[in-house]
Amino acid sequence: MRGTIFVLATDWMQDGENPQEHLYGSWSYCGQKGINSKYPDIRPMGFPFDRLNVDKRSKPMKDLDKLVDSVPNSCKTNVKITFLGPRDEDDKKKDGQKKDD
């Protein structure tokens, strides 16, 4: 399976939330909600793809390369994910031995 990974680093001082706050709900990939905040940050799920991204002339950006070029704290790379088959019993035993050591 081929795909593209996009990374966007944001300013924790602007976007970050209090990691000490009591959190509830599922952690998974969506983050967690607190009483007064969301963790890990205040950005909405899917940011920056949850909104129309426009260039300097206010024209919609139609591809990821243009977005990366216009946002200096972002990058992308193409990846290939390959399933190598199920692990055999010897590998599982080795992993179990490492945990016990």
N, C-alpha and C. Protein backbone atom coordinates (compact mmCIF):
# COMPACT_ATOMS: atom_id res chain seq x y z
N MET A 1 0.85 -1.16 0.00
CA MET A 1 0.00 0.00 0.00
C MET A 1 0.90 1.23 0.00
N ARG A 2 0.62 2.13 -0.87
CA ARG A 2 1.39 3.37 -0.95
C ARG A 2 0.57 4.52 -0.38
N GLY A 3 1.26 5.50 0.18
CA GLY A 3 0.58 6.65 0.73
C GLY A 3 1.55 7.80 0.93
N THR A 4 1.06 8.86 1.51
CA THR A 4 1.86 10.04 1.80
C THR A 4 1.66 10.42 3.25
N ILE A 5 2.75 10.69 3.94
CA ILE A 5 2.69 11.17 5.31
C ILE A 5 2.94 12.67 5.28
N PHE A 6 2.06 13.43 5.91
CA PHE A 6 2.19 14.88 6.03
C PHE A 6 2.41 15.21 7.50
N VAL A 7 3.42 16.04 7.79
CA VAL A 7 3.72 16.44 9.16
C VAL A 7 3.67 17.95 9.25
N LEU A 8 2.97 18.44 10.28
CA LEU A 8 2.87 19.88 10.53
C LEU A 8 3.22 20.11 11.98
N ALA A 9 4.27 20.85 12.24
CA ALA A 9 4.67 21.20 13.61
C ALA A 9 4.06 22.56 13.95
N THR A 10 3.37 22.61 15.10
CA THR A 10 2.78 23.88 15.52
C THR A 10 3.44 24.36 16.81
N ASP A 11 3.20 25.58 17.18
CA ASP A 11 3.80 26.20 18.35
C ASP A 11 3.05 25.78 19.61
N TRP A 12 3.72 25.01 20.48
CA TRP A 12 3.08 24.52 21.70
C TRP A 12 2.61 25.67 22.58
N MET A 13 3.32 26.78 22.58
CA MET A 13 2.94 27.91 23.42
C MET A 13 1.59 28.50 22.97
N GLN A 14 1.25 28.37 21.70
CA GLN A 14 -0.04 28.85 21.19
C GLN A 14 -1.11 27.76 21.19
N ASP A 15 -0.73 26.55 20.82
CA ASP A 15 -1.70 25.48 20.57
C ASP A 15 -1.81 24.46 21.69
N GLY A 16 -0.82 24.39 22.56
CA GLY A 16 -0.77 23.35 23.56
C GLY A 16 -1.80 23.52 24.66
N GLU A 17 -2.11 22.41 25.29
CA GLU A 17 -3.04 22.40 26.42
C GLU A 17 -2.35 21.79 27.63
N ASN A 18 -2.98 21.88 28.75
CA ASN A 18 -2.42 21.41 30.01
C ASN A 18 -2.44 19.88 30.08
N PRO A 19 -1.27 19.24 29.99
CA PRO A 19 -1.26 17.77 30.06
C PRO A 19 -1.53 17.23 31.46
N GLN A 20 -1.56 18.11 32.48
CA GLN A 20 -1.81 17.68 33.85
C GLN A 20 -3.29 17.58 34.17
N GLU A 21 -4.13 18.14 33.31
CA GLU A 21 -5.57 18.11 33.55
C GLU A 21 -6.11 16.69 33.48
N HIS A 22 -7.10 16.36 34.31
CA HIS A 22 -7.73 15.05 34.25
C HIS A 22 -8.45 14.90 32.90
N LEU A 23 -8.15 13.83 32.19
CA LEU A 23 -8.70 13.60 30.87
C LEU A 23 -9.65 12.42 30.90
N TYR A 24 -10.61 12.41 30.01
CA TYR A 24 -11.57 11.31 29.94
C TYR A 24 -11.81 10.94 28.49
N GLY A 25 -12.40 9.79 28.27
CA GLY A 25 -12.73 9.36 26.91
C GLY A 25 -11.59 8.59 26.27
N SER A 26 -11.80 8.25 25.02
CA SER A 26 -10.85 7.45 24.26
C SER A 26 -9.64 8.27 23.88
N TRP A 27 -8.46 7.68 23.95
CA TRP A 27 -7.23 8.36 23.55
C TRP A 27 -7.04 8.19 22.04
N SER A 28 -7.04 7.01 21.55
CA SER A 28 -6.82 6.64 20.15
C SER A 28 -6.06 7.72 19.39
N TYR A 29 -6.44 8.04 18.19
CA TYR A 29 -5.71 9.04 17.43
C TYR A 29 -6.38 10.40 17.49
N CYS A 30 -7.47 10.53 18.18
CA CYS A 30 -8.23 11.78 18.19
C CYS A 30 -7.82 12.71 19.32
N GLY A 31 -7.06 12.26 20.27
CA GLY A 31 -6.76 13.06 21.43
C GLY A 31 -7.78 12.80 22.51
N GLN A 32 -7.62 13.47 23.63
CA GLN A 32 -8.55 13.30 24.74
C GLN A 32 -9.14 14.64 25.12
N LYS A 33 -10.32 14.60 25.71
CA LYS A 33 -10.98 15.82 26.15
C LYS A 33 -10.87 15.93 27.66
N GLY A 34 -10.60 17.13 28.12
CA GLY A 34 -10.62 17.41 29.55
C GLY A 34 -11.84 18.27 29.85
N ILE A 35 -11.99 18.67 31.09
CA ILE A 35 -13.12 19.53 31.46
C ILE A 35 -13.00 20.88 30.77
N ASN A 36 -11.79 21.45 30.76
CA ASN A 36 -11.58 22.79 30.21
C ASN A 36 -10.74 22.81 28.94
N SER A 37 -10.30 21.68 28.47
CA SER A 37 -9.39 21.69 27.34
C SER A 37 -9.40 20.37 26.59
N LYS A 38 -8.66 20.35 25.51
CA LYS A 38 -8.41 19.14 24.74
C LYS A 38 -6.91 18.87 24.78
N TYR A 39 -6.53 17.61 24.80
CA TYR A 39 -5.12 17.27 24.81
C TYR A 39 -4.86 16.31 23.67
N PRO A 40 -3.90 16.48 22.83
CA PRO A 40 -2.69 17.23 23.06
C PRO A 40 -2.73 18.70 22.68
N ASP A 41 -3.67 19.14 21.82
CA ASP A 41 -3.68 20.55 21.46
C ASP A 41 -5.08 21.01 21.13
N ILE A 42 -5.21 22.31 20.85
CA ILE A 42 -6.52 22.91 20.61
C ILE A 42 -6.96 22.82 19.15
N ARG A 43 -6.11 22.34 18.29
CA ARG A 43 -6.46 22.26 16.86
C ARG A 43 -7.55 21.22 16.63
N PRO A 44 -8.45 21.49 15.68
CA PRO A 44 -9.51 20.52 15.40
C PRO A 44 -8.98 19.27 14.70
N MET A 45 -9.72 18.19 14.82
CA MET A 45 -9.37 16.95 14.15
C MET A 45 -9.28 17.19 12.65
N GLY A 46 -8.21 16.74 12.06
CA GLY A 46 -8.03 16.91 10.62
C GLY A 46 -7.28 18.16 10.22
N PHE A 47 -6.90 19.01 11.19
CA PHE A 47 -6.18 20.24 10.86
C PHE A 47 -4.89 19.93 10.14
N PRO A 48 -4.54 20.61 9.07
CA PRO A 48 -5.15 21.76 8.42
C PRO A 48 -6.10 21.40 7.27
N PHE A 49 -6.43 20.09 7.16
CA PHE A 49 -7.27 19.67 6.04
C PHE A 49 -8.75 19.83 6.32
N ASP A 50 -9.09 20.33 7.48
CA ASP A 50 -10.50 20.55 7.84
C ASP A 50 -11.01 21.89 7.30
N ARG A 51 -10.18 22.61 6.57
CA ARG A 51 -10.54 23.92 6.03
C ARG A 51 -9.98 24.09 4.63
N LEU A 52 -10.47 25.08 3.92
CA LEU A 52 -9.96 25.39 2.60
C LEU A 52 -8.60 26.06 2.75
N ASN A 53 -7.58 25.52 2.12
CA ASN A 53 -6.25 26.11 2.15
C ASN A 53 -6.05 26.92 0.89
N VAL A 54 -5.69 28.19 1.05
CA VAL A 54 -5.55 29.09 -0.09
C VAL A 54 -4.13 29.62 -0.18
N ASP A 55 -3.73 30.00 -1.39
CA ASP A 55 -2.40 30.57 -1.58
C ASP A 55 -2.44 32.08 -1.32
N LYS A 56 -1.34 32.77 -1.62
CA LYS A 56 -1.25 34.22 -1.35
C LYS A 56 -2.26 35.03 -2.14
N ARG A 57 -2.75 34.48 -3.23
CA ARG A 57 -3.75 35.19 -4.05
C ARG A 57 -5.17 34.74 -3.71
N SER A 58 -5.31 34.04 -2.60
CA SER A 58 -6.61 33.52 -2.13
C SER A 58 -7.22 32.49 -3.06
N LYS A 59 -6.37 31.81 -3.82
CA LYS A 59 -6.85 30.73 -4.68
C LYS A 59 -6.65 29.40 -3.95
N PRO A 60 -7.63 28.51 -4.06
CA PRO A 60 -7.50 27.21 -3.35
C PRO A 60 -6.28 26.43 -3.82
N MET A 61 -5.57 25.84 -2.86
CA MET A 61 -4.45 24.96 -3.18
C MET A 61 -5.01 23.59 -3.46
N LYS A 62 -4.68 23.06 -4.63
CA LYS A 62 -5.27 21.80 -5.04
C LYS A 62 -4.37 20.60 -4.84
N ASP A 63 -3.13 20.81 -4.39
CA ASP A 63 -2.29 19.65 -4.12
C ASP A 63 -1.40 19.87 -2.89
N LEU A 64 -0.94 18.79 -2.33
CA LEU A 64 -0.17 18.82 -1.09
C LEU A 64 1.18 19.50 -1.27
N ASP A 65 1.80 19.37 -2.45
CA ASP A 65 3.09 20.02 -2.69
C ASP A 65 2.99 21.53 -2.50
N LYS A 66 1.92 22.14 -2.98
CA LYS A 66 1.74 23.58 -2.83
C LYS A 66 1.56 23.96 -1.37
N LEU A 67 0.85 23.14 -0.61
CA LEU A 67 0.67 23.42 0.81
C LEU A 67 2.01 23.35 1.53
N VAL A 68 2.80 22.32 1.27
CA VAL A 68 4.11 22.18 1.91
C VAL A 68 5.02 23.33 1.53
N ASP A 69 4.99 23.76 0.27
CA ASP A 69 5.81 24.88 -0.17
C ASP A 69 5.43 26.18 0.53
N SER A 70 4.17 26.33 0.88
CA SER A 70 3.72 27.60 1.47
C SER A 70 3.77 27.61 3.00
N VAL A 71 3.93 26.44 3.62
CA VAL A 71 3.97 26.35 5.08
C VAL A 71 5.34 25.81 5.49
N PRO A 72 6.23 26.69 5.98
CA PRO A 72 7.61 26.26 6.25
C PRO A 72 7.75 25.23 7.37
N ASN A 73 6.79 25.11 8.25
CA ASN A 73 6.88 24.14 9.34
C ASN A 73 6.14 22.85 9.02
N SER A 74 6.09 22.51 7.74
CA SER A 74 5.45 21.27 7.31
C SER A 74 6.35 20.53 6.33
N CYS A 75 6.09 19.24 6.19
CA CYS A 75 6.81 18.43 5.22
C CYS A 75 5.96 17.22 4.86
N LYS A 76 6.36 16.53 3.81
CA LYS A 76 5.67 15.32 3.40
C LYS A 76 6.68 14.35 2.84
N THR A 77 6.30 13.09 2.87
CA THR A 77 7.12 12.06 2.24
C THR A 77 6.21 10.93 1.79
N ASN A 78 6.58 10.29 0.72
CA ASN A 78 5.83 9.14 0.23
C ASN A 78 6.31 7.89 0.95
N VAL A 79 5.40 7.00 1.25
CA VAL A 79 5.73 5.77 1.96
C VAL A 79 5.10 4.57 1.25
N LYS A 80 5.67 3.42 1.52
CA LYS A 80 5.10 2.16 1.05
C LYS A 80 5.03 1.24 2.25
N ILE A 81 3.83 0.78 2.57
CA ILE A 81 3.62 -0.13 3.69
C ILE A 81 3.46 -1.53 3.12
N THR A 82 4.27 -2.45 3.62
CA THR A 82 4.26 -3.81 3.09
C THR A 82 3.97 -4.80 4.22
N PHE A 83 3.00 -5.66 4.01
CA PHE A 83 2.71 -6.73 4.97
C PHE A 83 3.65 -7.88 4.68
N LEU A 84 4.44 -8.27 5.65
CA LEU A 84 5.44 -9.30 5.45
C LEU A 84 4.96 -10.68 5.87
N GLY A 85 3.71 -10.79 6.23
CA GLY A 85 3.15 -12.07 6.63
C GLY A 85 3.09 -12.19 8.14
N PRO A 86 2.39 -13.20 8.60
CA PRO A 86 2.27 -13.39 10.06
C PRO A 86 3.61 -13.76 10.67
N ARG A 87 3.79 -13.35 11.91
CA ARG A 87 5.01 -13.72 12.63
C ARG A 87 4.94 -15.19 13.01
N ASP A 88 6.09 -15.84 13.03
CA ASP A 88 6.09 -17.24 13.42
C ASP A 88 6.25 -17.37 14.94
N GLU A 89 6.05 -18.55 15.46
CA GLU A 89 6.06 -18.79 16.91
C GLU A 89 7.42 -18.48 17.54
N ASP A 90 8.52 -18.70 16.80
CA ASP A 90 9.85 -18.43 17.35
C ASP A 90 10.02 -16.94 17.65
N ASP A 91 9.53 -16.07 16.77
CA ASP A 91 9.61 -14.63 17.00
C ASP A 91 8.80 -14.23 18.23
N LYS A 92 7.62 -14.82 18.40
CA LYS A 92 6.78 -14.50 19.55
C LYS A 92 7.46 -14.92 20.85
N LYS A 93 8.13 -16.09 20.84
CA LYS A 93 8.82 -16.56 22.03
C LYS A 93 9.99 -15.65 22.38
N LYS A 94 10.73 -15.20 21.36
CA LYS A 94 11.86 -14.29 21.59
C LYS A 94 11.37 -12.99 22.23
N ASP A 95 10.26 -12.45 21.73
CA ASP A 95 9.70 -11.22 22.29
C ASP A 95 9.30 -11.43 23.75
N GLY A 96 8.72 -12.58 24.06
CA GLY A 96 8.33 -12.89 25.43
C GLY A 96 9.53 -13.01 26.36
N GLN A 97 10.62 -13.58 25.86
CA GLN A 97 11.84 -13.74 26.67
C GLN A 97 12.46 -12.38 26.97
N LYS A 98 12.41 -11.47 26.00
CA LYS A 98 12.99 -10.14 26.21
C LYS A 98 12.24 -9.39 27.30
N LYS A 99 10.91 -9.55 27.35
CA LYS A 99 10.12 -8.86 28.35
C LYS A 99 10.42 -9.37 29.74
N ASP A 100 10.73 -10.66 29.87
CA ASP A 100 10.98 -11.25 31.18
C ASP A 100 12.38 -10.94 31.70
N ASP A 101 13.31 -10.63 30.80
CA ASP A 101 14.72 -10.37 31.21
C ASP A 101 14.86 -9.09 31.99
